[in-house]
Amino acid sequence: MRFSIGWLKRLRTIWADGGYSGPEFAQWVSRRRKNGGLKLQVIKRSEQQKGFAVLPKRWIVERTFGWLMKNRRLVRDYEVKTEHAEAWLYVAMLSLMLRRIA
């Protein structure tokens, strides 16, 4: 993977879905920072839970995905390069912030 989060100095915790609970992703996260200042926290559902329930911190991610899906270009994977897809994410979030400022 070419993605590097070294420039995100303030990032301390990555919240992930239960699908990312494998050791490969945990190792990838631990290799991102040399000093080990990045923590992976997997948010899982309770085994007794039936139906829908809001999970802690998970709603923040789902809300952000909802904001991003309002942009037509981000609904499908049109981009070939990940750098282009990342640029469109920045454009989408910039437009959201500009609408809130105005």
PDB file of N, CA and C in Angstrom:
ATOM      1  N   MET A   1       0.830  -1.180   0.000  1.00  0.00           N
ATOM      2  CA  MET A   1       0.000   0.000   0.000  1.00  0.00           C
ATOM      3  C   MET A   1       0.873   1.240   0.000  1.00  0.00           C
ATOM      4  N   ARG A   2       0.531   2.203  -0.814  1.00  0.00           N
ATOM      5  CA  ARG A   2       1.300   3.434  -0.885  1.00  0.00           C
ATOM      6  C   ARG A   2       0.808   4.484   0.090  1.00  0.00           C
ATOM      7  N   PHE A   3      -0.352   4.268   0.689  1.00  0.00           N
ATOM      8  CA  PHE A   3      -0.947   5.262   1.574  1.00  0.00           C
ATOM      9  C   PHE A   3      -0.089   5.438   2.817  1.00  0.00           C
ATOM     10  N   SER A   4       0.206   6.664   3.145  1.00  0.00           N
ATOM     11  CA  SER A   4       0.994   6.959   4.332  1.00  0.00           C
ATOM     12  C   SER A   4       0.300   8.040   5.133  1.00  0.00           C
ATOM     13  N   ILE A   5       0.158   7.829   6.420  1.00  0.00           N
ATOM     14  CA  ILE A   5      -0.501   8.828   7.253  1.00  0.00           C
ATOM     15  C   ILE A   5       0.499   9.568   8.121  1.00  0.00           C
ATOM     16  N   GLY A   6       1.740   9.610   7.695  1.00  0.00           N
ATOM     17  CA  GLY A   6       2.762  10.300   8.456  1.00  0.00           C
ATOM     18  C   GLY A   6       2.498  11.787   8.601  1.00  0.00           C
ATOM     19  N   TRP A   7       1.799  12.368   7.650  1.00  0.00           N
ATOM     20  CA  TRP A   7       1.515  13.798   7.708  1.00  0.00           C
ATOM     21  C   TRP A   7       0.339  14.115   8.618  1.00  0.00           C
ATOM     22  N   LEU A   8      -0.387  13.113   9.090  1.00  0.00           N
ATOM     23  CA  LEU A   8      -1.496  13.336  10.016  1.00  0.00           C
ATOM     24  C   LEU A   8      -0.983  13.210  11.449  1.00  0.00           C
ATOM     25  N   LYS A   9      -0.293  14.194  11.913  1.00  0.00           N
ATOM     26  CA  LYS A   9       0.356  14.137  13.225  1.00  0.00           C
ATOM     27  C   LYS A   9      -0.639  14.077  14.375  1.00  0.00           C
ATOM     28  N   ARG A  10      -1.816  14.690  14.203  1.00  0.00           N
ATOM     29  CA  ARG A  10      -2.783  14.737  15.295  1.00  0.00           C
ATOM     30  C   ARG A  10      -3.609  13.465  15.418  1.00  0.00           C
ATOM     31  N   LEU A  11      -3.572  12.605  14.423  1.00  0.00           N
ATOM     32  CA  LEU A  11      -4.349  11.368  14.448  1.00  0.00           C
ATOM     33  C   LEU A  11      -3.793  10.433  15.508  1.00  0.00           C
ATOM     34  N   ARG A  12      -4.637  10.028  16.445  1.00  0.00           N
ATOM     35  CA  ARG A  12      -4.203   9.159  17.530  1.00  0.00           C
ATOM     36  C   ARG A  12      -4.883   7.791  17.485  1.00  0.00           C
ATOM     37  N   THR A  13      -6.163   7.750  17.055  1.00  0.00           N
ATOM     38  CA  THR A  13      -6.944   6.525  17.086  1.00  0.00           C
ATOM     39  C   THR A  13      -7.646   6.324  15.755  1.00  0.00           C
ATOM     40  N   ILE A  14      -7.642   5.088  15.281  1.00  0.00           N
ATOM     41  CA  ILE A  14      -8.418   4.712  14.100  1.00  0.00           C
ATOM     42  C   ILE A  14      -9.549   3.827  14.583  1.00  0.00           C
ATOM     43  N   TRP A  15     -10.795   4.250  14.335  1.00  0.00           N
ATOM     44  CA  TRP A  15     -11.953   3.441  14.663  1.00  0.00           C
ATOM     45  C   TRP A  15     -12.293   2.613  13.444  1.00  0.00           C
ATOM     46  N   ALA A  16     -12.435   1.322  13.637  1.00  0.00           N
ATOM     47  CA  ALA A  16     -12.696   0.427  12.516  1.00  0.00           C
ATOM     48  C   ALA A  16     -13.889  -0.462  12.807  1.00  0.00           C
ATOM     49  N   ASP A  17     -14.481  -0.940  11.744  1.00  0.00           N
ATOM     50  CA  ASP A  17     -15.586  -1.888  11.787  1.00  0.00           C
ATOM     51  C   ASP A  17     -15.045  -3.258  12.197  1.00  0.00           C
ATOM     52  N   GLY A  18     -15.920  -4.155  12.584  1.00  0.00           N
ATOM     53  CA  GLY A  18     -15.515  -5.499  12.951  1.00  0.00           C
ATOM     54  C   GLY A  18     -14.848  -6.258  11.821  1.00  0.00           C
ATOM     55  N   GLY A  19     -15.090  -5.851  10.591  1.00  0.00           N
ATOM     56  CA  GLY A  19     -14.455  -6.487   9.445  1.00  0.00           C
ATOM     57  C   GLY A  19     -12.961  -6.241   9.372  1.00  0.00           C
ATOM     58  N   TYR A  20     -12.466  -5.261  10.113  1.00  0.00           N
ATOM     59  CA  TYR A  20     -11.039  -4.931  10.119  1.00  0.00           C
ATOM     60  C   TYR A  20     -10.342  -5.443  11.373  1.00  0.00           C
ATOM     61  N   SER A  21     -10.884  -6.483  11.990  1.00  0.00           N
ATOM     62  CA  SER A  21     -10.318  -6.961  13.250  1.00  0.00           C
ATOM     63  C   SER A  21      -9.186  -7.970  13.057  1.00  0.00           C
ATOM     64  N   GLY A  22      -8.779  -8.231  11.838  1.00  0.00           N
ATOM     65  CA  GLY A  22      -7.719  -9.197  11.579  1.00  0.00           C
ATOM     66  C   GLY A  22      -6.339  -8.682  11.941  1.00  0.00           C
ATOM     67  N   PRO A  23      -5.382  -9.584  12.078  1.00  0.00           N
ATOM     68  CA  PRO A  23      -4.028  -9.180  12.460  1.00  0.00           C
ATOM     69  C   PRO A  23      -3.288  -8.404  11.363  1.00  0.00           C
ATOM     70  N   GLU A  24      -3.647  -8.616  10.097  1.00  0.00           N
ATOM     71  CA  GLU A  24      -2.954  -7.913   9.014  1.00  0.00           C
ATOM     72  C   GLU A  24      -3.171  -6.407   9.091  1.00  0.00           C
ATOM     73  N   PHE A  25      -4.429  -5.999   9.324  1.00  0.00           N
ATOM     74  CA  PHE A  25      -4.718  -4.572   9.418  1.00  0.00           C
ATOM     75  C   PHE A  25      -4.094  -3.972  10.675  1.00  0.00           C
ATOM     76  N   ALA A  26      -4.116  -4.707  11.764  1.00  0.00           N
ATOM     77  CA  ALA A  26      -3.494  -4.213  13.006  1.00  0.00           C
ATOM     78  C   ALA A  26      -1.998  -4.007  12.811  1.00  0.00           C
ATOM     79  N   GLN A  27      -1.348  -4.902  12.095  1.00  0.00           N
ATOM     80  CA  GLN A  27       0.078  -4.730  11.812  1.00  0.00           C
ATOM     81  C   GLN A  27       0.321  -3.541  10.903  1.00  0.00           C
ATOM     82  N   TRP A  28      -0.545  -3.352   9.913  1.00  0.00           N
ATOM     83  CA  TRP A  28      -0.410  -2.211   9.016  1.00  0.00           C
ATOM     84  C   TRP A  28      -0.504  -0.902   9.793  1.00  0.00           C
ATOM     85  N   VAL A  29      -1.470  -0.826  10.720  1.00  0.00           N
ATOM     86  CA  VAL A  29      -1.634   0.386  11.535  1.00  0.00           C
ATOM     87  C   VAL A  29      -0.404   0.601  12.409  1.00  0.00           C
ATOM     88  N   SER A  30       0.125  -0.475  12.995  1.00  0.00           N
ATOM     89  CA  SER A  30       1.280  -0.314  13.886  1.00  0.00           C
ATOM     90  C   SER A  30       2.532   0.120  13.126  1.00  0.00           C
ATOM     91  N   ARG A  31       2.629  -0.216  11.850  1.00  0.00           N
ATOM     92  CA  ARG A  31       3.796   0.197  11.045  1.00  0.00           C
ATOM     93  C   ARG A  31       3.700   1.642  10.547  1.00  0.00           C
ATOM     94  N   ARG A  32       2.548   2.268  10.654  1.00  0.00           N
ATOM     95  CA  ARG A  32       2.380   3.630  10.134  1.00  0.00           C
ATOM     96  C   ARG A  32       3.159   4.648  10.933  1.00  0.00           C
ATOM     97  N   ARG A  33       3.297   4.454  12.208  1.00  0.00           N
ATOM     98  CA  ARG A  33       4.029   5.398  13.056  1.00  0.00           C
ATOM     99  C   ARG A  33       5.195   4.681  13.698  1.00  0.00           C
ATOM    100  N   LYS A  34       6.330   5.321  13.660  1.00  0.00           N
ATOM    101  CA  LYS A  34       7.547   4.729  14.232  1.00  0.00           C
ATOM    102  C   LYS A  34       7.472   4.652  15.760  1.00  0.00           C
ATOM    103  N   ASN A  35       6.893   5.676  16.377  1.00  0.00           N
ATOM    104  CA  ASN A  35       6.870   5.734  17.841  1.00  0.00           C
ATOM    105  C   ASN A  35       5.673   5.011  18.448  1.00  0.00           C
ATOM    106  N   GLY A  36       4.813   4.417  17.615  1.00  0.00           N
ATOM    107  CA  GLY A  36       3.669   3.675  18.135  1.00  0.00           C
ATOM    108  C   GLY A  36       2.566   4.548  18.671  1.00  0.00           C
ATOM    109  N   GLY A  37       2.463   5.783  18.239  1.00  0.00           N
ATOM    110  CA  GLY A  37       1.449   6.690  18.746  1.00  0.00           C
ATOM    111  C   GLY A  37       0.097   6.561  18.073  1.00  0.00           C
ATOM    112  N   LEU A  38      -0.105   5.515  17.300  1.00  0.00           N
ATOM    113  CA  LEU A  38      -1.368   5.313  16.607  1.00  0.00           C
ATOM    114  C   LEU A  38      -2.016   4.044  17.116  1.00  0.00           C
ATOM    115  N   LYS A  39      -3.299   4.135  17.513  1.00  0.00           N
ATOM    116  CA  LYS A  39      -3.990   3.019  18.125  1.00  0.00           C
ATOM    117  C   LYS A  39      -5.170   2.611  17.255  1.00  0.00           C
ATOM    118  N   LEU A  40      -5.385   1.323  17.095  1.00  0.00           N
ATOM    119  CA  LEU A  40      -6.529   0.779  16.370  1.00  0.00           C
ATOM    120  C   LEU A  40      -7.576   0.349  17.371  1.00  0.00           C
ATOM    121  N   GLN A  41      -8.799   0.857  17.202  1.00  0.00           N
ATOM    122  CA  GLN A  41      -9.895   0.480  18.084  1.00  0.00           C
ATOM    123  C   GLN A  41     -11.017  -0.074  17.203  1.00  0.00           C
ATOM    124  N   VAL A  42     -11.275  -1.377  17.315  1.00  0.00           N
ATOM    125  CA  VAL A  42     -12.312  -2.037  16.527  1.00  0.00           C
ATOM    126  C   VAL A  42     -13.622  -1.975  17.304  1.00  0.00           C
ATOM    127  N   ILE A  43     -14.659  -1.394  16.670  1.00  0.00           N
ATOM    128  CA  ILE A  43     -15.979  -1.268  17.289  1.00  0.00           C
ATOM    129  C   ILE A  43     -16.825  -2.441  16.806  1.00  0.00           C
ATOM    130  N   LYS A  44     -17.175  -3.348  17.732  1.00  0.00           N
ATOM    131  CA  LYS A  44     -17.939  -4.535  17.373  1.00  0.00           C
ATOM    132  C   LYS A  44     -19.335  -4.489  17.978  1.00  0.00           C
ATOM    133  N   ARG A  45     -20.237  -5.217  17.327  1.00  0.00           N
ATOM    134  CA  ARG A  45     -21.588  -5.360  17.860  1.00  0.00           C
ATOM    135  C   ARG A  45     -21.587  -6.388  18.979  1.00  0.00           C
ATOM    136  N   SER A  46     -22.539  -6.261  19.858  1.00  0.00           N
ATOM    137  CA  SER A  46     -22.715  -7.243  20.925  1.00  0.00           C
ATOM    138  C   SER A  46     -23.323  -8.515  20.324  1.00  0.00           C
ATOM    139  N   GLU A  47     -22.943  -9.658  20.853  1.00  0.00           N
ATOM    140  CA  GLU A  47     -23.480 -10.934  20.357  1.00  0.00           C
ATOM    141  C   GLU A  47     -24.968 -11.073  20.656  1.00  0.00           C
ATOM    142  N   GLN A  48     -25.441 -10.470  21.740  1.00  0.00           N
ATOM    143  CA  GLN A  48     -26.846 -10.571  22.112  1.00  0.00           C
ATOM    144  C   GLN A  48     -27.737  -9.597  21.339  1.00  0.00           C
ATOM    145  N   GLN A  49     -27.158  -8.655  20.662  1.00  0.00           N
ATOM    146  CA  GLN A  49     -27.911  -7.605  19.981  1.00  0.00           C
ATOM    147  C   GLN A  49     -28.682  -8.164  18.799  1.00  0.00           C
ATOM    148  N   LYS A  50     -29.951  -7.798  18.726  1.00  0.00           N
ATOM    149  CA  LYS A  50     -30.794  -8.168  17.597  1.00  0.00           C
ATOM    150  C   LYS A  50     -31.297  -6.886  16.960  1.00  0.00           C
ATOM    151  N   GLY A  51     -31.232  -6.800  15.645  1.00  0.00           N
ATOM    152  CA  GLY A  51     -31.717  -5.616  14.944  1.00  0.00           C
ATOM    153  C   GLY A  51     -30.712  -4.481  14.968  1.00  0.00           C
ATOM    154  N   PHE A  52     -31.213  -3.264  14.732  1.00  0.00           N
ATOM    155  CA  PHE A  52     -30.352  -2.092  14.623  1.00  0.00           C
ATOM    156  C   PHE A  52     -30.120  -1.462  15.988  1.00  0.00           C
ATOM    157  N   ALA A  53     -28.911  -1.042  16.222  1.00  0.00           N
ATOM    158  CA  ALA A  53     -28.561  -0.256  17.402  1.00  0.00           C
ATOM    159  C   ALA A  53     -27.369   0.608  17.040  1.00  0.00           C
ATOM    160  N   VAL A  54     -27.364   1.818  17.543  1.00  0.00           N
ATOM    161  CA  VAL A  54     -26.260   2.731  17.278  1.00  0.00           C
ATOM    162  C   VAL A  54     -25.049   2.282  18.084  1.00  0.00           C
ATOM    163  N   LEU A  55     -23.946   2.103  17.394  1.00  0.00           N
ATOM    164  CA  LEU A  55     -22.703   1.709  18.065  1.00  0.00           C
ATOM    165  C   LEU A  55     -21.890   2.957  18.380  1.00  0.00           C
ATOM    166  N   PRO A  56     -21.155   2.966  19.496  1.00  0.00           N
ATOM    167  CA  PRO A  56     -20.377   4.154  19.843  1.00  0.00           C
ATOM    168  C   PRO A  56     -19.303   4.438  18.793  1.00  0.00           C
ATOM    169  N   LYS A  57     -19.150   5.696  18.449  1.00  0.00           N
ATOM    170  CA  LYS A  57     -18.168   6.205  17.481  1.00  0.00           C
ATOM    171  C   LYS A  57     -18.478   5.796  16.043  1.00  0.00           C
ATOM    172  N   ARG A  58     -19.215   4.726  15.829  1.00  0.00           N
ATOM    173  CA  ARG A  58     -19.496   4.266  14.471  1.00  0.00           C
ATOM    174  C   ARG A  58     -20.385   5.250  13.725  1.00  0.00           C
ATOM    175  N   TRP A  59     -21.290   5.917  14.410  1.00  0.00           N
ATOM    176  CA  TRP A  59     -22.188   6.849  13.751  1.00  0.00           C
ATOM    177  C   TRP A  59     -21.428   8.016  13.150  1.00  0.00           C
ATOM    178  N   ILE A  60     -20.278   8.369  13.701  1.00  0.00           N
ATOM    179  CA  ILE A  60     -19.472   9.460  13.149  1.00  0.00           C
ATOM    180  C   ILE A  60     -18.988   9.088  11.752  1.00  0.00           C
ATOM    181  N   VAL A  61     -18.535   7.871  11.596  1.00  0.00           N
ATOM    182  CA  VAL A  61     -18.056   7.402  10.295  1.00  0.00           C
ATOM    183  C   VAL A  61     -19.209   7.301   9.312  1.00  0.00           C
ATOM    184  N   GLU A  62     -20.333   6.735   9.739  1.00  0.00           N
ATOM    185  CA  GLU A  62     -21.484   6.575   8.848  1.00  0.00           C
ATOM    186  C   GLU A  62     -22.036   7.932   8.423  1.00  0.00           C
ATOM    187  N   ARG A  63     -22.043   8.893   9.322  1.00  0.00           N
ATOM    188  CA  ARG A  63     -22.508  10.239   8.987  1.00  0.00           C
ATOM    189  C   ARG A  63     -21.602  10.865   7.939  1.00  0.00           C
ATOM    190  N   THR A  64     -20.307  10.700   8.084  1.00  0.00           N
ATOM    191  CA  THR A  64     -19.356  11.249   7.124  1.00  0.00           C
ATOM    192  C   THR A  64     -19.535  10.598   5.759  1.00  0.00           C
ATOM    193  N   PHE A  65     -19.727   9.281   5.728  1.00  0.00           N
ATOM    194  CA  PHE A  65     -19.993   8.611   4.453  1.00  0.00           C
ATOM    195  C   PHE A  65     -21.265   9.150   3.813  1.00  0.00           C
ATOM    196  N   GLY A  66     -22.277   9.430   4.606  1.00  0.00           N
ATOM    197  CA  GLY A  66     -23.512  10.016   4.079  1.00  0.00           C
ATOM    198  C   GLY A  66     -23.266  11.371   3.447  1.00  0.00           C
ATOM    199  N   TRP A  67     -22.452  12.202   4.080  1.00  0.00           N
ATOM    200  CA  TRP A  67     -22.116  13.503   3.503  1.00  0.00           C
ATOM    201  C   TRP A  67     -21.394  13.335   2.177  1.00  0.00           C
ATOM    202  N   LEU A  68     -20.458  12.384   2.130  1.00  0.00           N
ATOM    203  CA  LEU A  68     -19.679  12.177   0.911  1.00  0.00           C
ATOM    204  C   LEU A  68     -20.533  11.640  -0.236  1.00  0.00           C
ATOM    205  N   MET A  69     -21.522  10.820   0.074  1.00  0.00           N
ATOM    206  CA  MET A  69     -22.341  10.220  -0.978  1.00  0.00           C
ATOM    207  C   MET A  69     -23.301  11.217  -1.622  1.00  0.00           C
ATOM    208  N   LYS A  70     -23.407  12.404  -1.062  1.00  0.00           N
ATOM    209  CA  LYS A  70     -24.205  13.449  -1.719  1.00  0.00           C
ATOM    210  C   LYS A  70     -23.521  13.953  -2.984  1.00  0.00           C
ATOM    211  N   ASN A  71     -22.243  13.675  -3.124  1.00  0.00           N
ATOM    212  CA  ASN A  71     -21.493  14.065  -4.317  1.00  0.00           C
ATOM    213  C   ASN A  71     -21.543  12.917  -5.315  1.00  0.00           C
ATOM    214  N   ARG A  72     -22.079  13.180  -6.474  1.00  0.00           N
ATOM    215  CA  ARG A  72     -22.298  12.143  -7.479  1.00  0.00           C
ATOM    216  C   ARG A  72     -21.042  11.387  -7.849  1.00  0.00           C
ATOM    217  N   ARG A  73     -19.946  12.069  -7.928  1.00  0.00           N
ATOM    218  CA  ARG A  73     -18.704  11.442  -8.375  1.00  0.00           C
ATOM    219  C   ARG A  73     -18.197  10.403  -7.386  1.00  0.00           C
ATOM    220  N   LEU A  74     -18.552  10.543  -6.125  1.00  0.00           N
ATOM    221  CA  LEU A  74     -18.053   9.629  -5.100  1.00  0.00           C
ATOM    222  C   LEU A  74     -18.964   8.430  -4.855  1.00  0.00           C
ATOM    223  N   VAL A  75     -20.135   8.400  -5.491  1.00  0.00           N
ATOM    224  CA  VAL A  75     -21.059   7.294  -5.274  1.00  0.00           C
ATOM    225  C   VAL A  75     -20.500   6.002  -5.858  1.00  0.00           C
ATOM    226  N   ARG A  76     -19.828   6.099  -6.982  1.00  0.00           N
ATOM    227  CA  ARG A  76     -19.227   4.928  -7.632  1.00  0.00           C
ATOM    228  C   ARG A  76     -17.711   5.101  -7.685  1.00  0.00           C
ATOM    229  N   ASP A  77     -17.014   4.020  -7.928  1.00  0.00           N
ATOM    230  CA  ASP A  77     -15.564   4.075  -8.061  1.00  0.00           C
ATOM    231  C   ASP A  77     -15.202   4.362  -9.515  1.00  0.00           C
ATOM    232  N   TYR A  78     -15.218   5.647  -9.869  1.00  0.00           N
ATOM    233  CA  TYR A  78     -14.883   6.042 -11.238  1.00  0.00           C
ATOM    234  C   TYR A  78     -13.383   6.215 -11.427  1.00  0.00           C
ATOM    235  N   GLU A  79     -12.684   6.509 -10.359  1.00  0.00           N
ATOM    236  CA  GLU A  79     -11.279   6.869 -10.456  1.00  0.00           C
ATOM    237  C   GLU A  79     -10.393   5.626 -10.600  1.00  0.00           C
ATOM    238  N   VAL A  80      -9.360   5.755 -11.408  1.00  0.00           N
ATOM    239  CA  VAL A  80      -8.412   4.667 -11.599  1.00  0.00           C
ATOM    240  C   VAL A  80      -7.325   4.730 -10.529  1.00  0.00           C
ATOM    241  N   LYS A  81      -6.835   5.927 -10.252  1.00  0.00           N
ATOM    242  CA  LYS A  81      -5.763   6.091  -9.268  1.00  0.00           C
ATOM    243  C   LYS A  81      -6.344   6.511  -7.919  1.00  0.00           C
ATOM    244  N   THR A  82      -5.734   5.985  -6.854  1.00  0.00           N
ATOM    245  CA  THR A  82      -6.204   6.345  -5.519  1.00  0.00           C
ATOM    246  C   THR A  82      -5.944   7.814  -5.210  1.00  0.00           C
ATOM    247  N   GLU A  83      -4.917   8.396  -5.820  1.00  0.00           N
ATOM    248  CA  GLU A  83      -4.637   9.818  -5.604  1.00  0.00           C
ATOM    249  C   GLU A  83      -5.779  10.677  -6.123  1.00  0.00           C
ATOM    250  N   HIS A  84      -6.375  10.278  -7.226  1.00  0.00           N
ATOM    251  CA  HIS A  84      -7.507  11.034  -7.783  1.00  0.00           C
ATOM    252  C   HIS A  84      -8.738  10.897  -6.891  1.00  0.00           C
ATOM    253  N   ALA A  85      -8.974   9.693  -6.400  1.00  0.00           N
ATOM    254  CA  ALA A  85     -10.104   9.485  -5.495  1.00  0.00           C
ATOM    255  C   ALA A  85      -9.927  10.298  -4.217  1.00  0.00           C
ATOM    256  N   GLU A  86      -8.703  10.356  -3.714  1.00  0.00           N
ATOM    257  CA  GLU A  86      -8.429  11.139  -2.518  1.00  0.00           C
ATOM    258  C   GLU A  86      -8.666  12.625  -2.777  1.00  0.00           C
ATOM    259  N   ALA A  87      -8.273  13.086  -3.956  1.00  0.00           N
ATOM    260  CA  ALA A  87      -8.491  14.489  -4.300  1.00  0.00           C
ATOM    261  C   ALA A  87      -9.981  14.818  -4.329  1.00  0.00           C
ATOM    262  N   TRP A  88     -10.797  13.911  -4.855  1.00  0.00           N
ATOM    263  CA  TRP A  88     -12.240  14.155  -4.884  1.00  0.00           C
ATOM    264  C   TRP A  88     -12.838  14.153  -3.483  1.00  0.00           C
ATOM    265  N   LEU A  89     -12.276  13.370  -2.580  1.00  0.00           N
ATOM    266  CA  LEU A  89     -12.740  13.416  -1.190  1.00  0.00           C
ATOM    267  C   LEU A  89     -12.455  14.781  -0.579  1.00  0.00           C
ATOM    268  N   TYR A  90     -11.272  15.326  -0.867  1.00  0.00           N
ATOM    269  CA  TYR A  90     -10.947  16.667  -0.378  1.00  0.00           C
ATOM    270  C   TYR A  90     -11.888  17.714  -0.966  1.00  0.00           C
ATOM    271  N   VAL A  91     -12.208  17.600  -2.240  1.00  0.00           N
ATOM    272  CA  VAL A  91     -13.130  18.547  -2.876  1.00  0.00           C
ATOM    273  C   VAL A  91     -14.505  18.474  -2.222  1.00  0.00           C
ATOM    274  N   ALA A  92     -14.970  17.259  -1.955  1.00  0.00           N
ATOM    275  CA  ALA A  92     -16.281  17.084  -1.326  1.00  0.00           C
ATOM    276  C   ALA A  92     -16.313  17.685   0.070  1.00  0.00           C
ATOM    277  N   MET A  93     -15.278  17.444   0.861  1.00  0.00           N
ATOM    278  CA  MET A  93     -15.265  17.979   2.216  1.00  0.00           C
ATOM    279  C   MET A  93     -15.071  19.490   2.229  1.00  0.00           C
ATOM    280  N   LEU A  94     -14.292  20.007   1.270  1.00  0.00           N
ATOM    281  CA  LEU A  94     -14.149  21.460   1.161  1.00  0.00           C
ATOM    282  C   LEU A  94     -15.478  22.132   0.833  1.00  0.00           C
ATOM    283  N   SER A  95     -16.232  21.536  -0.082  1.00  0.00           N
ATOM    284  CA  SER A  95     -17.528  22.124  -0.417  1.00  0.00           C
ATOM    285  C   SER A  95     -18.468  22.085   0.777  1.00  0.00           C
ATOM    286  N   LEU A  96     -18.414  21.001   1.554  1.00  0.00           N
ATOM    287  CA  LEU A  96     -19.229  20.916   2.755  1.00  0.00           C
ATOM    288  C   LEU A  96     -18.845  22.009   3.754  1.00  0.00           C
ATOM    289  N   MET A  97     -17.553  22.193   3.973  1.00  0.00           N
ATOM    290  CA  MET A  97     -17.104  23.224   4.925  1.00  0.00           C
ATOM    291  C   MET A  97     -17.447  24.625   4.434  1.00  0.00           C
ATOM    292  N   LEU A  98     -17.297  24.874   3.133  1.00  0.00           N
ATOM    293  CA  LEU A  98     -17.616  26.195   2.599  1.00  0.00           C
ATOM    294  C   LEU A  98     -19.100  26.519   2.732  1.00  0.00           C
ATOM    295  N   ARG A  99     -19.954  25.521   2.537  1.00  0.00           N
ATOM    296  CA  ARG A  99     -21.392  25.749   2.717  1.00  0.00           C
ATOM    297  C   ARG A  99     -21.732  26.080   4.152  1.00  0.00           C
ATOM    298  N   ARG A 100     -21.003  25.477   5.096  1.00  0.00           N
ATOM    299  CA  ARG A 100     -21.267  25.766   6.506  1.00  0.00           C
ATOM    300  C   ARG A 100     -20.751  27.136   6.922  1.00  0.00           C
ATOM    301  N   ILE A 101     -19.657  27.560   6.319  1.00  0.00           N
ATOM    302  CA  ILE A 101     -19.098  28.883   6.651  1.00  0.00           C
ATOM    303  C   ILE A 101     -19.986  29.998   6.120  1.00  0.00           C
ATOM    304  N   ALA A 102     -20.499  29.813   4.902  1.00  0.00           N
ATOM    305  CA  ALA A 102     -21.284  30.870   4.233  1.00  0.00           C
ATOM    306  C   ALA A 102     -22.638  31.059   4.863  1.00  0.00           C
TER     307      ALA A 102
END
